[in-house]
Amino acid sequence: MSNKIIGYTTGVFDLFHIGHLKILKKAKKECDYLIVGVTIDELVSYKGKQAFIPFEERLQIVESIKYVDEVIAQTNMNKMGAWKELNFNKMFVGSDWKGTDRWDRYEKEFKKIGVEIVYFPYTKGTSSTKLRKALEEITNVVTK
């Protein structure tokens, strides 16, 4: 049996920025092998928006990050299904999810099978939301 720690995290990774990079770097420090699920375009709608950068390009961006060992398509939100397929030991997620009903349930489910959920603090400063807003403002000015 291997003592290798396999980590898993997911994200849209649209408008890739320093916050994304910091999360991946922190995650890699906590595991031996980091698997990253990049959310497919059809699933991005859970955030109530569309990705600016197409899935295949976001996938290539994340694949090029030195902290990432493997990249997969996140085709659904079923975290337990992902574990059954990937058999990770740690799952990394933003602290903005901590204490929510969904993640409280995940914590209980994953604790039973020995998977640790690690919450990383939200990166202050640059965010995809801020970048998206700035792009929309620029687009509105240009089209007027």
N, C-alpha and C. Protein backbone atom coordinates (compact mmCIF):
# COMPACT_ATOMS: atom_id res chain seq x y z
N MET A 1 0.85 -1.18 0.00
CA MET A 1 0.00 0.00 0.00
C MET A 1 0.89 1.24 0.00
N SER A 2 0.51 2.20 -0.80
CA SER A 2 1.30 3.42 -0.95
C SER A 2 0.88 4.47 0.08
N ASN A 3 1.87 5.22 0.57
CA ASN A 3 1.59 6.34 1.47
C ASN A 3 1.46 7.64 0.69
N LYS A 4 1.40 7.55 -0.61
CA LYS A 4 1.31 8.72 -1.47
C LYS A 4 -0.01 9.44 -1.21
N ILE A 5 0.08 10.75 -0.99
CA ILE A 5 -1.12 11.56 -0.78
C ILE A 5 -1.56 12.13 -2.12
N ILE A 6 -2.78 11.77 -2.50
CA ILE A 6 -3.35 12.25 -3.76
C ILE A 6 -4.33 13.36 -3.41
N GLY A 7 -4.13 14.51 -4.01
CA GLY A 7 -5.00 15.66 -3.78
C GLY A 7 -5.90 15.91 -4.98
N TYR A 8 -7.04 16.53 -4.70
CA TYR A 8 -8.01 16.81 -5.76
C TYR A 8 -8.66 18.16 -5.51
N THR A 9 -8.77 18.94 -6.56
CA THR A 9 -9.52 20.19 -6.49
C THR A 9 -10.15 20.43 -7.85
N THR A 10 -11.15 21.28 -7.87
CA THR A 10 -11.82 21.60 -9.12
C THR A 10 -12.00 23.11 -9.24
N GLY A 11 -12.27 23.54 -10.44
CA GLY A 11 -12.55 24.95 -10.65
C GLY A 11 -12.88 25.22 -12.09
N VAL A 12 -13.43 26.39 -12.32
CA VAL A 12 -13.70 26.83 -13.68
C VAL A 12 -12.39 27.31 -14.31
N PHE A 13 -11.60 28.04 -13.53
CA PHE A 13 -10.32 28.59 -13.96
C PHE A 13 -10.48 29.48 -15.20
N ASP A 14 -11.57 30.24 -15.20
CA ASP A 14 -11.80 31.20 -16.27
C ASP A 14 -11.04 32.47 -15.92
N LEU A 15 -10.50 33.12 -16.92
CA LEU A 15 -9.70 34.33 -16.69
C LEU A 15 -8.65 34.05 -15.61
N PHE A 16 -7.81 33.05 -15.87
CA PHE A 16 -6.83 32.56 -14.91
C PHE A 16 -6.02 33.72 -14.33
N HIS A 17 -5.90 33.72 -12.99
CA HIS A 17 -5.22 34.82 -12.30
C HIS A 17 -4.42 34.29 -11.10
N ILE A 18 -3.79 35.18 -10.39
CA ILE A 18 -2.90 34.83 -9.29
C ILE A 18 -3.60 34.04 -8.18
N GLY A 19 -4.87 34.31 -7.94
CA GLY A 19 -5.62 33.55 -6.93
C GLY A 19 -5.69 32.08 -7.30
N HIS A 20 -5.94 31.79 -8.59
CA HIS A 20 -5.97 30.40 -9.05
C HIS A 20 -4.59 29.75 -8.84
N LEU A 21 -3.55 30.48 -9.22
CA LEU A 21 -2.20 29.94 -9.09
C LEU A 21 -1.86 29.65 -7.63
N LYS A 22 -2.24 30.55 -6.72
CA LYS A 22 -1.95 30.36 -5.29
C LYS A 22 -2.66 29.13 -4.74
N ILE A 23 -3.90 28.90 -5.17
CA ILE A 23 -4.64 27.73 -4.70
C ILE A 23 -3.94 26.45 -5.16
N LEU A 24 -3.54 26.42 -6.41
CA LEU A 24 -2.87 25.21 -6.93
C LEU A 24 -1.52 24.99 -6.24
N LYS A 25 -0.81 26.07 -5.99
CA LYS A 25 0.49 25.96 -5.31
C LYS A 25 0.30 25.45 -3.88
N LYS A 26 -0.68 26.00 -3.16
CA LYS A 26 -0.95 25.55 -1.78
C LYS A 26 -1.39 24.09 -1.77
N ALA A 27 -2.23 23.72 -2.71
CA ALA A 27 -2.71 22.34 -2.78
C ALA A 27 -1.54 21.38 -3.00
N LYS A 28 -0.66 21.73 -3.92
CA LYS A 28 0.47 20.85 -4.23
C LYS A 28 1.38 20.67 -3.02
N LYS A 29 1.49 21.69 -2.17
CA LYS A 29 2.32 21.58 -0.96
C LYS A 29 1.74 20.56 0.02
N GLU A 30 0.44 20.27 -0.11
CA GLU A 30 -0.23 19.37 0.83
C GLU A 30 -0.39 17.95 0.30
N CYS A 31 0.12 17.68 -0.89
CA CYS A 31 -0.02 16.33 -1.45
C CYS A 31 1.17 16.00 -2.34
N ASP A 32 1.26 14.71 -2.67
CA ASP A 32 2.33 14.24 -3.55
C ASP A 32 1.94 14.32 -5.02
N TYR A 33 0.64 14.19 -5.27
CA TYR A 33 0.12 14.13 -6.63
C TYR A 33 -1.17 14.92 -6.66
N LEU A 34 -1.23 15.95 -7.49
CA LEU A 34 -2.40 16.83 -7.53
C LEU A 34 -3.19 16.65 -8.82
N ILE A 35 -4.46 16.28 -8.66
CA ILE A 35 -5.39 16.15 -9.78
C ILE A 35 -6.32 17.37 -9.74
N VAL A 36 -6.49 18.00 -10.89
CA VAL A 36 -7.33 19.19 -10.98
C VAL A 36 -8.44 18.93 -12.00
N GLY A 37 -9.67 19.11 -11.55
CA GLY A 37 -10.82 19.02 -12.44
C GLY A 37 -11.16 20.40 -12.96
N VAL A 38 -11.15 20.56 -14.28
CA VAL A 38 -11.53 21.82 -14.91
C VAL A 38 -12.98 21.67 -15.36
N THR A 39 -13.83 22.58 -14.92
CA THR A 39 -15.26 22.51 -15.18
C THR A 39 -15.56 22.73 -16.66
N ILE A 40 -16.33 21.81 -17.25
CA ILE A 40 -16.71 21.94 -18.66
C ILE A 40 -17.66 23.12 -18.82
N ASP A 41 -17.72 23.65 -20.03
CA ASP A 41 -18.53 24.83 -20.32
C ASP A 41 -19.99 24.64 -19.91
N GLU A 42 -20.55 23.46 -20.19
CA GLU A 42 -21.95 23.21 -19.89
C GLU A 42 -22.26 23.26 -18.40
N LEU A 43 -21.27 22.98 -17.58
CA LEU A 43 -21.47 22.95 -16.14
C LEU A 43 -21.21 24.30 -15.48
N VAL A 44 -20.55 25.20 -16.19
CA VAL A 44 -20.23 26.52 -15.63
C VAL A 44 -21.50 27.26 -15.23
N SER A 45 -22.61 26.92 -15.84
CA SER A 45 -23.87 27.62 -15.56
C SER A 45 -24.28 27.52 -14.09
N TYR A 46 -23.67 26.59 -13.31
CA TYR A 46 -24.00 26.53 -11.89
C TYR A 46 -23.63 27.84 -11.20
N LYS A 47 -22.73 28.59 -11.78
CA LYS A 47 -22.36 29.90 -11.23
C LYS A 47 -23.22 31.01 -11.84
N GLY A 48 -24.15 30.63 -12.70
CA GLY A 48 -25.04 31.61 -13.30
C GLY A 48 -24.39 32.46 -14.38
N LYS A 49 -23.35 31.93 -15.03
CA LYS A 49 -22.67 32.69 -16.08
C LYS A 49 -22.05 31.74 -17.09
N GLN A 50 -21.46 32.32 -18.12
CA GLN A 50 -20.73 31.55 -19.12
C GLN A 50 -19.25 31.87 -18.97
N ALA A 51 -18.43 30.90 -19.33
CA ALA A 51 -16.99 31.14 -19.31
C ALA A 51 -16.59 32.02 -20.49
N PHE A 52 -15.65 32.93 -20.26
CA PHE A 52 -15.09 33.74 -21.34
C PHE A 52 -14.15 32.86 -22.19
N ILE A 53 -13.36 32.07 -21.49
CA ILE A 53 -12.36 31.23 -22.16
C ILE A 53 -12.97 29.84 -22.34
N PRO A 54 -12.94 29.30 -23.56
CA PRO A 54 -13.52 27.97 -23.80
C PRO A 54 -12.82 26.88 -22.98
N PHE A 55 -13.55 25.83 -22.69
CA PHE A 55 -13.07 24.72 -21.87
C PHE A 55 -11.70 24.21 -22.31
N GLU A 56 -11.53 23.89 -23.58
CA GLU A 56 -10.27 23.31 -24.06
C GLU A 56 -9.08 24.23 -23.77
N GLU A 57 -9.28 25.52 -23.89
CA GLU A 57 -8.20 26.46 -23.59
C GLU A 57 -7.92 26.54 -22.09
N ARG A 58 -8.98 26.52 -21.28
CA ARG A 58 -8.79 26.54 -19.82
C ARG A 58 -8.07 25.26 -19.38
N LEU A 59 -8.41 24.15 -20.01
CA LEU A 59 -7.76 22.87 -19.72
C LEU A 59 -6.25 22.97 -20.01
N GLN A 60 -5.90 23.53 -21.17
CA GLN A 60 -4.49 23.67 -21.54
C GLN A 60 -3.74 24.59 -20.59
N ILE A 61 -4.39 25.65 -20.14
CA ILE A 61 -3.76 26.58 -19.19
C ILE A 61 -3.42 25.84 -17.90
N VAL A 62 -4.40 25.12 -17.35
CA VAL A 62 -4.18 24.41 -16.08
C VAL A 62 -3.15 23.30 -16.26
N GLU A 63 -3.16 22.60 -17.40
CA GLU A 63 -2.17 21.55 -17.66
C GLU A 63 -0.75 22.10 -17.64
N SER A 64 -0.58 23.36 -17.99
CA SER A 64 0.77 23.94 -18.08
C SER A 64 1.32 24.40 -16.72
N ILE A 65 0.52 24.35 -15.69
CA ILE A 65 0.96 24.81 -14.36
C ILE A 65 1.83 23.72 -13.72
N LYS A 66 3.01 24.10 -13.26
CA LYS A 66 3.96 23.11 -12.75
C LYS A 66 3.50 22.40 -11.48
N TYR A 67 2.54 22.95 -10.77
CA TYR A 67 2.07 22.32 -9.54
C TYR A 67 1.04 21.22 -9.80
N VAL A 68 0.56 21.14 -11.02
CA VAL A 68 -0.52 20.22 -11.39
C VAL A 68 0.07 18.96 -12.03
N ASP A 69 -0.32 17.81 -11.50
CA ASP A 69 0.18 16.55 -12.05
C ASP A 69 -0.76 15.93 -13.08
N GLU A 70 -2.05 16.17 -12.93
CA GLU A 70 -3.02 15.60 -13.85
C GLU A 70 -4.24 16.51 -13.93
N VAL A 71 -4.78 16.66 -15.13
CA VAL A 71 -5.97 17.48 -15.32
C VAL A 71 -7.05 16.62 -15.95
N ILE A 72 -8.27 16.74 -15.40
CA ILE A 72 -9.41 16.01 -15.94
C ILE A 72 -10.55 17.00 -16.18
N ALA A 73 -11.51 16.58 -16.95
CA ALA A 73 -12.71 17.39 -17.15
C ALA A 73 -13.66 17.13 -15.99
N GLN A 74 -14.14 18.20 -15.36
CA GLN A 74 -15.18 18.05 -14.35
C GLN A 74 -16.51 18.14 -15.10
N THR A 75 -17.17 16.98 -15.22
CA THR A 75 -18.41 16.91 -16.01
C THR A 75 -19.66 16.92 -15.15
N ASN A 76 -19.49 16.82 -13.83
CA ASN A 76 -20.63 16.92 -12.92
C ASN A 76 -20.11 17.36 -11.56
N MET A 77 -21.04 17.61 -10.64
CA MET A 77 -20.66 18.14 -9.32
C MET A 77 -20.58 17.03 -8.26
N ASN A 78 -20.64 15.78 -8.67
CA ASN A 78 -20.67 14.65 -7.75
C ASN A 78 -19.26 14.37 -7.20
N LYS A 79 -18.96 14.90 -6.03
CA LYS A 79 -17.63 14.76 -5.44
C LYS A 79 -17.35 13.31 -5.02
N MET A 80 -18.36 12.60 -4.53
CA MET A 80 -18.16 11.21 -4.14
C MET A 80 -17.89 10.36 -5.38
N GLY A 81 -18.55 10.66 -6.46
CA GLY A 81 -18.29 9.96 -7.72
C GLY A 81 -16.85 10.19 -8.18
N ALA A 82 -16.37 11.42 -8.01
CA ALA A 82 -14.98 11.73 -8.37
C ALA A 82 -14.02 10.92 -7.50
N TRP A 83 -14.33 10.80 -6.21
CA TRP A 83 -13.47 10.02 -5.32
C TRP A 83 -13.43 8.55 -5.75
N LYS A 84 -14.59 8.00 -6.10
CA LYS A 84 -14.64 6.59 -6.52
C LYS A 84 -13.78 6.35 -7.76
N GLU A 85 -13.72 7.35 -8.62
CA GLU A 85 -12.92 7.23 -9.84
C GLU A 85 -11.44 7.51 -9.60
N LEU A 86 -11.13 8.50 -8.75
CA LEU A 86 -9.75 8.98 -8.60
C LEU A 86 -9.05 8.53 -7.33
N ASN A 87 -9.83 8.15 -6.31
CA ASN A 87 -9.28 7.65 -5.04
C ASN A 87 -8.29 8.63 -4.38
N PHE A 88 -8.71 9.88 -4.24
CA PHE A 88 -7.85 10.88 -3.61
C PHE A 88 -7.98 10.82 -2.08
N ASN A 89 -6.95 11.36 -1.40
CA ASN A 89 -6.91 11.40 0.07
C ASN A 89 -7.32 12.75 0.64
N LYS A 90 -7.09 13.80 -0.16
CA LYS A 90 -7.40 15.17 0.27
C LYS A 90 -8.13 15.89 -0.85
N MET A 91 -9.12 16.68 -0.44
CA MET A 91 -9.83 17.51 -1.39
C MET A 91 -9.68 18.96 -0.95
N PHE A 92 -9.33 19.82 -1.89
CA PHE A 92 -9.08 21.23 -1.60
C PHE A 92 -10.21 22.08 -2.16
N VAL A 93 -10.66 23.03 -1.33
CA VAL A 93 -11.80 23.87 -1.71
C VAL A 93 -11.64 25.24 -1.05
N GLY A 94 -12.28 26.24 -1.62
CA GLY A 94 -12.21 27.58 -1.06
C GLY A 94 -12.98 27.70 0.24
N SER A 95 -12.49 28.54 1.13
CA SER A 95 -13.10 28.71 2.45
C SER A 95 -14.50 29.30 2.40
N ASP A 96 -14.86 29.88 1.25
CA ASP A 96 -16.21 30.44 1.13
C ASP A 96 -17.28 29.34 1.15
N TRP A 97 -16.88 28.08 0.96
CA TRP A 97 -17.83 26.96 1.02
C TRP A 97 -17.95 26.36 2.42
N LYS A 98 -16.98 26.65 3.29
CA LYS A 98 -16.99 26.07 4.63
C LYS A 98 -18.24 26.49 5.40
N GLY A 99 -18.88 25.51 6.04
CA GLY A 99 -20.06 25.79 6.84
C GLY A 99 -21.36 25.77 6.06
N THR A 100 -21.29 25.57 4.74
CA THR A 100 -22.52 25.46 3.96
C THR A 100 -23.11 24.06 4.15
N ASP A 101 -24.39 23.94 3.95
CA ASP A 101 -25.04 22.63 4.11
C ASP A 101 -24.37 21.57 3.25
N ARG A 102 -24.12 21.91 1.99
CA ARG A 102 -23.53 20.94 1.07
C ARG A 102 -22.17 20.45 1.56
N TRP A 103 -21.31 21.40 1.96
CA TRP A 103 -19.95 21.01 2.36
C TRP A 103 -19.92 20.39 3.76
N ASP A 104 -20.87 20.72 4.61
CA ASP A 104 -20.99 20.01 5.89
C ASP A 104 -21.30 18.53 5.64
N ARG A 105 -22.19 18.28 4.66
CA ARG A 105 -22.51 16.88 4.29
C ARG A 105 -21.29 16.18 3.71
N TYR A 106 -20.59 16.88 2.81
CA TYR A 106 -19.38 16.29 2.23
C TYR A 106 -18.37 15.94 3.32
N GLU A 107 -18.19 16.83 4.29
CA GLU A 107 -17.23 16.56 5.36
C GLU A 107 -17.56 15.26 6.09
N LYS A 108 -18.85 15.08 6.40
CA LYS A 108 -19.27 13.85 7.10
C LYS A 108 -19.06 12.62 6.23
N GLU A 109 -19.46 12.71 4.95
CA GLU A 109 -19.32 11.57 4.03
C GLU A 109 -17.85 11.20 3.85
N PHE A 110 -17.01 12.19 3.61
CA PHE A 110 -15.62 11.92 3.32
C PHE A 110 -14.82 11.51 4.56
N LYS A 111 -15.24 11.97 5.71
CA LYS A 111 -14.55 11.57 6.94
C LYS A 111 -14.66 10.06 7.14
N LYS A 112 -15.82 9.49 6.78
CA LYS A 112 -16.05 8.05 6.92
C LYS A 112 -15.07 7.22 6.10
N ILE A 113 -14.60 7.78 4.99
CA ILE A 113 -13.68 7.03 4.13
C ILE A 113 -12.24 7.55 4.21
N GLY A 114 -11.99 8.43 5.18
CA GLY A 114 -10.63 8.89 5.43
C GLY A 114 -10.12 9.99 4.51
N VAL A 115 -11.03 10.71 3.86
CA VAL A 115 -10.62 11.82 2.99
C VAL A 115 -10.73 13.12 3.77
N GLU A 116 -9.65 13.88 3.77
CA GLU A 116 -9.63 15.17 4.45
C GLU A 116 -10.01 16.28 3.48
N ILE A 117 -10.91 17.16 3.92
CA ILE A 117 -11.24 18.33 3.12
C ILE A 117 -10.46 19.50 3.71
N VAL A 118 -9.69 20.15 2.86
CA VAL A 118 -8.85 21.27 3.27
C VAL A 118 -9.41 22.54 2.63
N TYR A 119 -9.72 23.51 3.48
CA TYR A 119 -10.27 24.79 2.99
C TYR A 119 -9.15 25.82 2.91
N PHE A 120 -9.05 26.47 1.76
CA PHE A 120 -8.08 27.54 1.58
C PHE A 120 -8.79 28.88 1.62
N PRO A 121 -8.18 29.87 2.27
CA PRO A 121 -8.80 31.20 2.33
C PRO A 121 -8.94 31.81 0.94
N TYR A 122 -10.02 32.54 0.76
CA TYR A 122 -10.28 33.24 -0.48
C TYR A 122 -9.17 34.26 -0.70
N THR A 123 -8.65 34.32 -1.91
CA THR A 123 -7.58 35.28 -2.23
C THR A 123 -8.17 36.67 -2.42
N LYS A 124 -7.72 37.60 -1.60
CA LYS A 124 -8.18 38.98 -1.74
C LYS A 124 -7.45 39.62 -2.92
N GLY A 125 -8.08 40.59 -3.51
CA GLY A 125 -7.45 41.27 -4.65
C GLY A 125 -8.10 40.83 -5.94
N THR A 126 -7.28 40.32 -6.83
CA THR A 126 -7.77 39.90 -8.14
C THR A 126 -8.72 38.72 -8.02
N SER A 127 -9.81 38.78 -8.75
CA SER A 127 -10.74 37.65 -8.80
C SER A 127 -11.37 37.60 -10.18
N SER A 128 -11.85 36.43 -10.55
CA SER A 128 -12.52 36.29 -11.85
C SER A 128 -13.73 37.20 -11.93
N THR A 129 -14.43 37.37 -10.81
CA THR A 129 -15.61 38.23 -10.79
C THR A 129 -15.22 39.67 -11.12
N LYS A 130 -14.14 40.17 -10.50
CA LYS A 130 -13.67 41.53 -10.78
C LYS A 130 -13.21 41.67 -12.23
N LEU A 131 -12.48 40.67 -12.72
CA LEU A 131 -12.00 40.72 -14.10
C LEU A 131 -13.17 40.70 -15.08
N ARG A 132 -14.17 39.86 -14.79
CA ARG A 132 -15.36 39.77 -15.63
C ARG A 132 -16.09 41.11 -15.69
N LYS A 133 -16.24 41.74 -14.52
CA LYS A 133 -16.92 43.03 -14.44
C LYS A 133 -16.17 44.09 -15.25
N ALA A 134 -14.85 44.11 -15.12
CA ALA A 134 -14.04 45.07 -15.87
C ALA A 134 -14.18 44.84 -17.38
N LEU A 135 -14.17 43.58 -17.80
CA LEU A 135 -14.33 43.27 -19.23
C LEU A 135 -15.70 43.70 -19.74
N GLU A 136 -16.72 43.47 -18.93
CA GLU A 136 -18.07 43.87 -19.32
C GLU A 136 -18.17 45.40 -19.43
N GLU A 137 -17.53 46.13 -18.51
CA GLU A 137 -17.54 47.59 -18.56
C GLU A 137 -16.83 48.10 -19.81
N ILE A 138 -15.70 47.49 -20.11
CA ILE A 138 -14.95 47.88 -21.32
C ILE A 138 -15.78 47.59 -22.57
N THR A 139 -16.40 46.44 -22.60
CA THR A 139 -17.24 46.06 -23.74
C THR A 139 -18.38 47.04 -23.92
N ASN A 140 -19.00 47.46 -22.82
CA ASN A 140 -20.11 48.41 -22.88
C ASN A 140 -19.64 49.77 -23.42
N VAL A 141 -18.46 50.22 -23.01
CA VAL A 141 -17.93 51.50 -23.48
C VAL A 141 -17.62 51.42 -24.98
N VAL A 142 -17.02 50.33 -25.41
CA VAL A 142 -16.63 50.17 -26.81
C VAL A 142 -17.87 50.08 -27.71
N THR A 143 -18.92 49.46 -27.25
CA THR A 143 -20.10 49.26 -28.10
C THR A 143 -21.06 50.46 -28.10
N LYS A 144 -20.82 51.45 -27.25
CA LYS A 144 -21.69 52.64 -27.21
C LYS A 144 -21.31 53.66 -28.23
